[in-house]
Amino acid sequence: MVNEGTSCGSGGCWRAATVTSGDGLSRPEIIRELGLQQESCRSSGWLLDWRDVCVGARDNGENVTIYASWGY
């Protein structure tokens, strides 16, 4: 992990981490090894505070960014 952070905006918050491979994996291979080829979402929360939690990864051409977002 080379960078991480938390941000919030209209409709929710997200946490992101930029990762690289110490084993020489390419960016698509990193995403495949993590099982994050497609974003996955599920409901999470309790009683009256239900939110969607989505997890995924993006390849920006230089790095892979893994994210988790919480929305309303």
PDB file of N, CA and C in Angstrom:
ATOM      1  N   MET A   1       0.855  -1.156   0.000  1.00  0.00           N
ATOM      2  CA  MET A   1       0.000   0.000   0.000  1.00  0.00           C
ATOM      3  C   MET A   1       0.908   1.228   0.000  1.00  0.00           C
ATOM      4  N   VAL A   2       0.664   2.099  -0.950  1.00  0.00           N
ATOM      5  CA  VAL A   2       1.493   3.296  -1.062  1.00  0.00           C
ATOM      6  C   VAL A   2       0.768   4.567  -0.649  1.00  0.00           C
ATOM      7  N   ASN A   3      -0.566   4.475  -0.524  1.00  0.00           N
ATOM      8  CA  ASN A   3      -1.339   5.646  -0.131  1.00  0.00           C
ATOM      9  C   ASN A   3      -2.710   5.179   0.351  1.00  0.00           C
ATOM     10  N   GLU A   4      -3.287   5.904   1.302  1.00  0.00           N
ATOM     11  CA  GLU A   4      -4.637   5.601   1.763  1.00  0.00           C
ATOM     12  C   GLU A   4      -5.301   6.865   2.258  1.00  0.00           C
ATOM     13  N   GLY A   5      -6.627   6.844   2.279  1.00  0.00           N
ATOM     14  CA  GLY A   5      -7.343   8.008   2.757  1.00  0.00           C
ATOM     15  C   GLY A   5      -8.835   7.762   2.853  1.00  0.00           C
ATOM     16  N   THR A   6      -9.517   8.691   3.526  1.00  0.00           N
ATOM     17  CA  THR A   6     -10.966   8.657   3.688  1.00  0.00           C
ATOM     18  C   THR A   6     -11.513   9.999   3.244  1.00  0.00           C
ATOM     19  N   SER A   7     -12.614   9.978   2.497  1.00  0.00           N
ATOM     20  CA  SER A   7     -13.248  11.204   2.029  1.00  0.00           C
ATOM     21  C   SER A   7     -14.755  11.053   2.108  1.00  0.00           C
ATOM     22  N   CYS A   8     -15.441  12.173   2.168  1.00  0.00           N
ATOM     23  CA  CYS A   8     -16.906  12.180   2.170  1.00  0.00           C
ATOM     24  C   CYS A   8     -17.389  13.231   1.191  1.00  0.00           C
ATOM     25  N   GLY A   9     -18.541  12.979   0.637  1.00  0.00           N
ATOM     26  CA  GLY A   9     -19.150  13.923  -0.283  1.00  0.00           C
ATOM     27  C   GLY A   9     -20.648  13.737  -0.257  1.00  0.00           C
ATOM     28  N   SER A  10     -21.304  14.322  -1.212  1.00  0.00           N
ATOM     29  CA  SER A  10     -22.747  14.234  -1.312  1.00  0.00           C
ATOM     30  C   SER A  10     -23.183  12.782  -1.451  1.00  0.00           C
ATOM     31  N   GLY A  11     -23.923  12.273  -0.492  1.00  0.00           N
ATOM     32  CA  GLY A  11     -24.460  10.932  -0.575  1.00  0.00           C
ATOM     33  C   GLY A  11     -23.665   9.837   0.092  1.00  0.00           C
ATOM     34  N   GLY A  12     -22.512  10.135   0.648  1.00  0.00           N
ATOM     35  CA  GLY A  12     -21.782   9.065   1.333  1.00  0.00           C
ATOM     36  C   GLY A  12     -20.310   9.350   1.525  1.00  0.00           C
ATOM     37  N   CYS A  13     -19.629   8.347   2.028  1.00  0.00           N
ATOM     38  CA  CYS A  13     -18.194   8.432   2.291  1.00  0.00           C
ATOM     39  C   CYS A  13     -17.502   7.233   1.664  1.00  0.00           C
ATOM     40  N   TRP A  14     -16.205   7.330   1.471  1.00  0.00           N
ATOM     41  CA  TRP A  14     -15.445   6.224   0.924  1.00  0.00           C
ATOM     42  C   TRP A  14     -14.038   6.233   1.483  1.00  0.00           C
ATOM     43  N   ARG A  15     -13.466   5.068   1.458  1.00  0.00           N
ATOM     44  CA  ARG A  15     -12.095   4.862   1.891  1.00  0.00           C
ATOM     45  C   ARG A  15     -11.363   4.245   0.710  1.00  0.00           C
ATOM     46  N   ALA A  16     -10.176   4.746   0.402  1.00  0.00           N
ATOM     47  CA  ALA A  16      -9.432   4.252  -0.755  1.00  0.00           C
ATOM     48  C   ALA A  16      -7.977   4.003  -0.380  1.00  0.00           C
ATOM     49  N   ALA A  17      -7.396   3.009  -1.025  1.00  0.00           N
ATOM     50  CA  ALA A  17      -5.986   2.690  -0.831  1.00  0.00           C
ATOM     51  C   ALA A  17      -5.370   2.415  -2.199  1.00  0.00           C
ATOM     52  N   THR A  18      -4.215   3.010  -2.462  1.00  0.00           N
ATOM     53  CA  THR A  18      -3.476   2.758  -3.690  1.00  0.00           C
ATOM     54  C   THR A  18      -2.456   1.666  -3.395  1.00  0.00           C
ATOM     55  N   VAL A  19      -2.440   0.636  -4.240  1.00  0.00           N
ATOM     56  CA  VAL A  19      -1.561  -0.505  -4.000  1.00  0.00           C
ATOM     57  C   VAL A  19      -0.679  -0.785  -5.210  1.00  0.00           C
ATOM     58  N   THR A  20       0.473  -1.387  -4.952  1.00  0.00           N
ATOM     59  CA  THR A  20       1.369  -1.882  -5.985  1.00  0.00           C
ATOM     60  C   THR A  20       1.752  -3.310  -5.607  1.00  0.00           C
ATOM     61  N   SER A  21       2.401  -3.995  -6.516  1.00  0.00           N
ATOM     62  CA  SER A  21       2.790  -5.382  -6.254  1.00  0.00           C
ATOM     63  C   SER A  21       4.276  -5.474  -5.923  1.00  0.00           C
ATOM     64  N   GLY A  22       4.585  -6.184  -4.861  1.00  0.00           N
ATOM     65  CA  GLY A  22       5.968  -6.477  -4.525  1.00  0.00           C
ATOM     66  C   GLY A  22       6.456  -7.722  -5.240  1.00  0.00           C
ATOM     67  N   ASP A  23       5.522  -8.464  -5.878  1.00  0.00           N
ATOM     68  CA  ASP A  23       5.854  -9.708  -6.567  1.00  0.00           C
ATOM     69  C   ASP A  23       5.921  -9.534  -8.081  1.00  0.00           C
ATOM     70  N   GLY A  24       5.830  -8.308  -8.568  1.00  0.00           N
ATOM     71  CA  GLY A  24       5.905  -8.064 -10.002  1.00  0.00           C
ATOM     72  C   GLY A  24       4.617  -8.303 -10.764  1.00  0.00           C
ATOM     73  N   LEU A  25       3.477  -8.379 -10.079  1.00  0.00           N
ATOM     74  CA  LEU A  25       2.195  -8.566 -10.756  1.00  0.00           C
ATOM     75  C   LEU A  25       1.815  -7.290 -11.507  1.00  0.00           C
ATOM     76  N   SER A  26       1.157  -7.458 -12.643  1.00  0.00           N
ATOM     77  CA  SER A  26       0.644  -6.303 -13.378  1.00  0.00           C
ATOM     78  C   SER A  26      -0.598  -5.772 -12.658  1.00  0.00           C
ATOM     79  N   ARG A  27      -1.054  -4.584 -13.049  1.00  0.00           N
ATOM     80  CA  ARG A  27      -2.243  -4.003 -12.429  1.00  0.00           C
ATOM     81  C   ARG A  27      -3.470  -4.907 -12.609  1.00  0.00           C
ATOM     82  N   PRO A  28      -3.729  -5.427 -13.818  1.00  0.00           N
ATOM     83  CA  PRO A  28      -4.881  -6.349 -13.956  1.00  0.00           C
ATOM     84  C   PRO A  28      -4.719  -7.620 -13.109  1.00  0.00           C
ATOM     85  N   GLU A  29      -3.494  -8.102 -12.961  1.00  0.00           N
ATOM     86  CA  GLU A  29      -3.270  -9.292 -12.143  1.00  0.00           C
ATOM     87  C   GLU A  29      -3.537  -9.009 -10.664  1.00  0.00           C
ATOM     88  N   ILE A  30      -3.174  -7.814 -10.202  1.00  0.00           N
ATOM     89  CA  ILE A  30      -3.447  -7.426  -8.804  1.00  0.00           C
ATOM     90  C   ILE A  30      -4.958  -7.455  -8.570  1.00  0.00           C
ATOM     91  N   ILE A  31      -5.710  -6.838  -9.475  1.00  0.00           N
ATOM     92  CA  ILE A  31      -7.170  -6.787  -9.335  1.00  0.00           C
ATOM     93  C   ILE A  31      -7.756  -8.193  -9.357  1.00  0.00           C
ATOM     94  N   ARG A  32      -7.271  -9.031 -10.248  1.00  0.00           N
ATOM     95  CA  ARG A  32      -7.760 -10.410 -10.336  1.00  0.00           C
ATOM     96  C   ARG A  32      -7.421 -11.199  -9.078  1.00  0.00           C
ATOM     97  N   GLU A  33      -6.200 -11.065  -8.562  1.00  0.00           N
ATOM     98  CA  GLU A  33      -5.790 -11.774  -7.340  1.00  0.00           C
ATOM     99  C   GLU A  33      -6.637 -11.368  -6.141  1.00  0.00           C
ATOM    100  N   LEU A  34      -7.063 -10.101  -6.105  1.00  0.00           N
ATOM    101  CA  LEU A  34      -7.905  -9.610  -5.014  1.00  0.00           C
ATOM    102  C   LEU A  34      -9.377  -9.962  -5.214  1.00  0.00           C
ATOM    103  N   GLY A  35      -9.720 -10.483  -6.389  1.00  0.00           N
ATOM    104  CA  GLY A  35     -11.112 -10.837  -6.671  1.00  0.00           C
ATOM    105  C   GLY A  35     -12.010  -9.628  -6.828  1.00  0.00           C
ATOM    106  N   LEU A  36     -11.446  -8.527  -7.336  1.00  0.00           N
ATOM    107  CA  LEU A  36     -12.207  -7.283  -7.430  1.00  0.00           C
ATOM    108  C   LEU A  36     -12.427  -6.846  -8.878  1.00  0.00           C
ATOM    109  N   GLN A  37     -12.638  -7.808  -9.782  1.00  0.00           N
ATOM    110  CA  GLN A  37     -12.863  -7.473 -11.186  1.00  0.00           C
ATOM    111  C   GLN A  37     -14.148  -6.661 -11.366  1.00  0.00           C
ATOM    112  N   GLN A  38     -15.127  -6.900 -10.507  1.00  0.00           N
ATOM    113  CA  GLN A  38     -16.380  -6.153 -10.555  1.00  0.00           C
ATOM    114  C   GLN A  38     -16.685  -5.603  -9.166  1.00  0.00           C
ATOM    115  N   GLU A  39     -17.245  -4.402  -9.142  1.00  0.00           N
ATOM    116  CA  GLU A  39     -17.675  -3.827  -7.870  1.00  0.00           C
ATOM    117  C   GLU A  39     -18.786  -4.691  -7.283  1.00  0.00           C
ATOM    118  N   SER A  40     -18.737  -4.923  -5.986  1.00  0.00           N
ATOM    119  CA  SER A  40     -19.811  -5.653  -5.313  1.00  0.00           C
ATOM    120  C   SER A  40     -20.394  -4.776  -4.220  1.00  0.00           C
ATOM    121  N   CYS A  41     -21.718  -4.809  -4.099  1.00  0.00           N
ATOM    122  CA  CYS A  41     -22.417  -3.987  -3.105  1.00  0.00           C
ATOM    123  C   CYS A  41     -23.345  -4.868  -2.284  1.00  0.00           C
ATOM    124  N   ARG A  42     -23.547  -4.452  -1.042  1.00  0.00           N
ATOM    125  CA  ARG A  42     -24.503  -5.143  -0.176  1.00  0.00           C
ATOM    126  C   ARG A  42     -25.035  -4.144   0.838  1.00  0.00           C
ATOM    127  N   SER A  43     -26.191  -4.451   1.391  1.00  0.00           N
ATOM    128  CA  SER A  43     -26.770  -3.611   2.436  1.00  0.00           C
ATOM    129  C   SER A  43     -26.085  -3.917   3.757  1.00  0.00           C
ATOM    130  N   SER A  44     -25.893  -2.882   4.543  1.00  0.00           N
ATOM    131  CA  SER A  44     -25.240  -3.045   5.837  1.00  0.00           C
ATOM    132  C   SER A  44     -25.802  -1.995   6.790  1.00  0.00           C
ATOM    133  N   GLY A  45     -25.834  -2.305   8.047  1.00  0.00           N
ATOM    134  CA  GLY A  45     -26.290  -1.343   9.030  1.00  0.00           C
ATOM    135  C   GLY A  45     -27.118  -1.994  10.111  1.00  0.00           C
ATOM    136  N   TRP A  46     -27.860  -1.175  10.825  1.00  0.00           N
ATOM    137  CA  TRP A  46     -28.706  -1.675  11.887  1.00  0.00           C
ATOM    138  C   TRP A  46     -29.936  -0.785  12.014  1.00  0.00           C
ATOM    139  N   LEU A  47     -31.006  -1.366  12.409  1.00  0.00           N
ATOM    140  CA  LEU A  47     -32.289  -0.723  12.671  1.00  0.00           C
ATOM    141  C   LEU A  47     -32.663   0.311  11.609  1.00  0.00           C
ATOM    142  N   LEU A  48     -32.476   1.586  11.871  1.00  0.00           N
ATOM    143  CA  LEU A  48     -32.883   2.644  10.943  1.00  0.00           C
ATOM    144  C   LEU A  48     -31.726   3.238  10.148  1.00  0.00           C
ATOM    145  N   ASP A  49     -30.542   2.679  10.273  1.00  0.00           N
ATOM    146  CA  ASP A  49     -29.359   3.231   9.606  1.00  0.00           C
ATOM    147  C   ASP A  49     -28.800   2.216   8.605  1.00  0.00           C
ATOM    148  N   TRP A  50     -29.597   1.865   7.583  1.00  0.00           N
ATOM    149  CA  TRP A  50     -29.155   0.937   6.546  1.00  0.00           C
ATOM    150  C   TRP A  50     -28.496   1.704   5.419  1.00  0.00           C
ATOM    151  N   ARG A  51     -27.345   1.222   4.970  1.00  0.00           N
ATOM    152  CA  ARG A  51     -26.610   1.846   3.872  1.00  0.00           C
ATOM    153  C   ARG A  51     -26.082   0.757   2.955  1.00  0.00           C
ATOM    154  N   ASP A  52     -25.806   1.134   1.721  1.00  0.00           N
ATOM    155  CA  ASP A  52     -25.130   0.220   0.803  1.00  0.00           C
ATOM    156  C   ASP A  52     -23.627   0.366   0.986  1.00  0.00           C
ATOM    157  N   VAL A  53     -22.945  -0.759   1.089  1.00  0.00           N
ATOM    158  CA  VAL A  53     -21.486  -0.789   1.148  1.00  0.00           C
ATOM    159  C   VAL A  53     -21.011  -1.419  -0.154  1.00  0.00           C
ATOM    160  N   CYS A  54     -20.188  -0.691  -0.889  1.00  0.00           N
ATOM    161  CA  CYS A  54     -19.671  -1.189  -2.165  1.00  0.00           C
ATOM    162  C   CYS A  54     -18.150  -1.260  -2.101  1.00  0.00           C
ATOM    163  N   VAL A  55     -17.588  -2.330  -2.658  1.00  0.00           N
ATOM    164  CA  VAL A  55     -16.145  -2.537  -2.672  1.00  0.00           C
ATOM    165  C   VAL A  55     -15.729  -2.832  -4.106  1.00  0.00           C
ATOM    166  N   GLY A  56     -14.615  -2.235  -4.531  1.00  0.00           N
ATOM    167  CA  GLY A  56     -14.135  -2.463  -5.885  1.00  0.00           C
ATOM    168  C   GLY A  56     -12.707  -1.997  -6.051  1.00  0.00           C
ATOM    169  N   ALA A  57     -12.230  -2.046  -7.286  1.00  0.00           N
ATOM    170  CA  ALA A  57     -10.870  -1.608  -7.603  1.00  0.00           C
ATOM    171  C   ALA A  57     -10.871  -0.905  -8.951  1.00  0.00           C
ATOM    172  N   ARG A  58      -9.966   0.050  -9.111  1.00  0.00           N
ATOM    173  CA  ARG A  58      -9.817   0.787 -10.374  1.00  0.00           C
ATOM    174  C   ARG A  58      -8.353   0.774 -10.783  1.00  0.00           C
ATOM    175  N   ASP A  59      -8.129   0.615 -12.062  1.00  0.00           N
ATOM    176  CA  ASP A  59      -6.790   0.710 -12.647  1.00  0.00           C
ATOM    177  C   ASP A  59      -6.723   2.054 -13.358  1.00  0.00           C
ATOM    178  N   ASN A  60      -5.904   2.973 -12.854  1.00  0.00           N
ATOM    179  CA  ASN A  60      -5.840   4.299 -13.467  1.00  0.00           C
ATOM    180  C   ASN A  60      -4.715   4.424 -14.493  1.00  0.00           C
ATOM    181  N   GLY A  61      -4.125   3.302 -14.877  1.00  0.00           N
ATOM    182  CA  GLY A  61      -3.038   3.327 -15.852  1.00  0.00           C
ATOM    183  C   GLY A  61      -1.662   3.350 -15.221  1.00  0.00           C
ATOM    184  N   GLU A  62      -1.601   3.706 -13.946  1.00  0.00           N
ATOM    185  CA  GLU A  62      -0.336   3.715 -13.218  1.00  0.00           C
ATOM    186  C   GLU A  62      -0.386   2.873 -11.955  1.00  0.00           C
ATOM    187  N   ASN A  63      -1.507   2.919 -11.270  1.00  0.00           N
ATOM    188  CA  ASN A  63      -1.683   2.214 -10.008  1.00  0.00           C
ATOM    189  C   ASN A  63      -3.052   1.558  -9.947  1.00  0.00           C
ATOM    190  N   VAL A  64      -3.239   0.746  -8.910  1.00  0.00           N
ATOM    191  CA  VAL A  64      -4.546   0.167  -8.613  1.00  0.00           C
ATOM    192  C   VAL A  64      -5.054   0.832  -7.341  1.00  0.00           C
ATOM    193  N   THR A  65      -6.272   1.336  -7.395  1.00  0.00           N
ATOM    194  CA  THR A  65      -6.905   1.917  -6.220  1.00  0.00           C
ATOM    195  C   THR A  65      -8.042   1.006  -5.791  1.00  0.00           C
ATOM    196  N   ILE A  66      -7.987   0.562  -4.563  1.00  0.00           N
ATOM    197  CA  ILE A  66      -9.040  -0.261  -3.975  1.00  0.00           C
ATOM    198  C   ILE A  66      -9.903   0.673  -3.133  1.00  0.00           C
ATOM    199  N   TYR A  67     -11.225   0.519  -3.216  1.00  0.00           N
ATOM    200  CA  TYR A  67     -12.099   1.428  -2.480  1.00  0.00           C
ATOM    201  C   TYR A  67     -13.251   0.684  -1.820  1.00  0.00           C
ATOM    202  N   ALA A  68     -13.743   1.281  -0.771  1.00  0.00           N
ATOM    203  CA  ALA A  68     -14.981   0.854  -0.103  1.00  0.00           C
ATOM    204  C   ALA A  68     -15.788   2.119   0.106  1.00  0.00           C
ATOM    205  N   SER A  69     -17.053   2.093  -0.330  1.00  0.00           N
ATOM    206  CA  SER A  69     -17.895   3.283  -0.182  1.00  0.00           C
ATOM    207  C   SER A  69     -19.163   2.946   0.583  1.00  0.00           C
ATOM    208  N   TRP A  70     -19.623   3.923   1.340  1.00  0.00           N
ATOM    209  CA  TRP A  70     -20.858   3.806   2.117  1.00  0.00           C
ATOM    210  C   TRP A  70     -21.793   4.881   1.627  1.00  0.00           C
ATOM    211  N   GLY A  71     -22.936   4.486   1.089  1.00  0.00           N
ATOM    212  CA  GLY A  71     -23.883   5.457   0.568  1.00  0.00           C
ATOM    213  C   GLY A  71     -25.251   5.296   1.175  1.00  0.00           C
ATOM    214  N   TYR A  72     -26.108   6.245   0.924  1.00  0.00           N
ATOM    215  CA  TYR A  72     -27.471   6.213   1.442  1.00  0.00           C
ATOM    216  C   TYR A  72     -28.404   5.676   0.402  1.00  0.00           C
TER     217      TYR A  72
END
